[in-house]
């Protein structure tokens, strides 16, 4: 039998999705003046490295800290 996900897992998923959305849009907004007229693959090539660094070092730690079980 499959167990439904715990509320903390759903909260973690929501925070990760929101954080990724904000991060990707900020990176694309910052790159848009520099990459105007470039093909999509070239813009994506420039956006992926800062996106990965931001996800690993900012979004993931913040989401984990917000959803970690608290000591009582």
Protein backbone atom coordinates (compact mmCIF):
# COMPACT_ATOMS: atom_id res chain seq x y z
CA UNK A 1 0.00 0.00 0.00
CA UNK A 2 1.31 3.44 -0.93
CA UNK A 3 1.54 5.90 1.93
CA UNK A 4 0.41 9.48 1.24
CA UNK A 5 3.17 12.08 1.55
CA UNK A 6 3.50 13.80 4.88
CA UNK A 7 2.59 17.45 5.17
CA UNK A 8 6.26 18.37 5.59
CA UNK A 9 7.08 16.75 2.24
CA UNK A 10 4.35 18.73 0.51
CA UNK A 11 5.54 21.93 2.18
CA UNK A 12 9.13 21.17 1.09
CA UNK A 13 7.95 20.54 -2.48
CA UNK A 14 6.00 23.81 -2.51
CA UNK A 15 8.94 25.81 -1.19
CA UNK A 16 11.30 24.24 -3.72
CA UNK A 17 8.93 24.99 -6.59
CA UNK A 18 8.38 28.59 -5.48
CA UNK A 19 12.10 29.13 -4.90
CA UNK A 20 13.04 27.67 -8.28
CA UNK A 21 10.41 29.80 -10.02
CA UNK A 22 11.66 33.02 -8.43
CA UNK A 23 15.32 32.17 -8.97
CA UNK A 24 14.89 31.25 -12.64
CA UNK A 25 12.89 34.39 -13.37
CA UNK A 26 15.46 36.61 -11.63
CA UNK A 27 18.29 35.03 -13.61
CA UNK A 28 16.44 35.34 -16.92
CA UNK A 29 15.54 38.97 -16.16
CA UNK A 30 19.18 39.74 -15.39
CA UNK A 31 20.36 38.02 -18.57
CA UNK A 32 17.72 39.40 -20.93
CA UNK A 33 19.51 42.69 -21.73
CA UNK A 34 22.74 40.80 -22.42
CA UNK A 35 21.20 38.01 -24.48
CA UNK A 36 18.61 39.91 -26.53
CA UNK A 37 18.35 38.34 -29.96
CA UNK A 38 20.20 35.18 -28.97
CA UNK A 39 18.67 31.78 -29.69
CA UNK A 40 16.90 30.08 -26.79
CA UNK A 41 19.58 27.41 -26.42
CA UNK A 42 22.30 30.07 -25.95
CA UNK A 43 20.30 31.95 -23.33
CA UNK A 44 19.62 28.69 -21.51
CA UNK A 45 23.31 27.83 -21.68
CA UNK A 46 24.08 31.07 -19.83
CA UNK A 47 21.25 30.64 -17.30
CA UNK A 48 21.87 27.06 -16.18
CA UNK A 49 25.14 27.48 -14.19
CA UNK A 50 23.86 30.27 -11.91
CA UNK A 51 20.54 28.45 -11.58
CA UNK A 52 22.23 25.26 -10.36
CA UNK A 53 24.43 27.16 -7.92
CA UNK A 54 21.44 29.10 -6.62
CA UNK A 55 19.34 25.97 -6.19
CA UNK A 56 22.09 24.06 -4.39
CA UNK A 57 23.35 26.87 -2.15
CA UNK A 58 20.26 29.05 -1.59
CA UNK A 59 16.90 27.47 -2.37
CA UNK A 60 17.54 23.93 -1.10
CA UNK A 61 19.07 24.97 2.26
CA UNK A 62 16.28 27.50 2.87
CA UNK A 63 13.59 24.95 2.04
CA UNK A 64 15.20 22.35 4.29
CA UNK A 65 15.52 24.80 7.17
CA UNK A 66 11.86 25.82 6.84
CA UNK A 67 10.58 22.23 6.76
CA UNK A 68 12.93 20.60 9.27
CA UNK A 69 11.24 18.99 12.27
CA UNK A 70 11.45 21.28 15.24
CA UNK A 71 12.62 20.13 18.67
CA UNK A 72 9.92 20.30 21.30
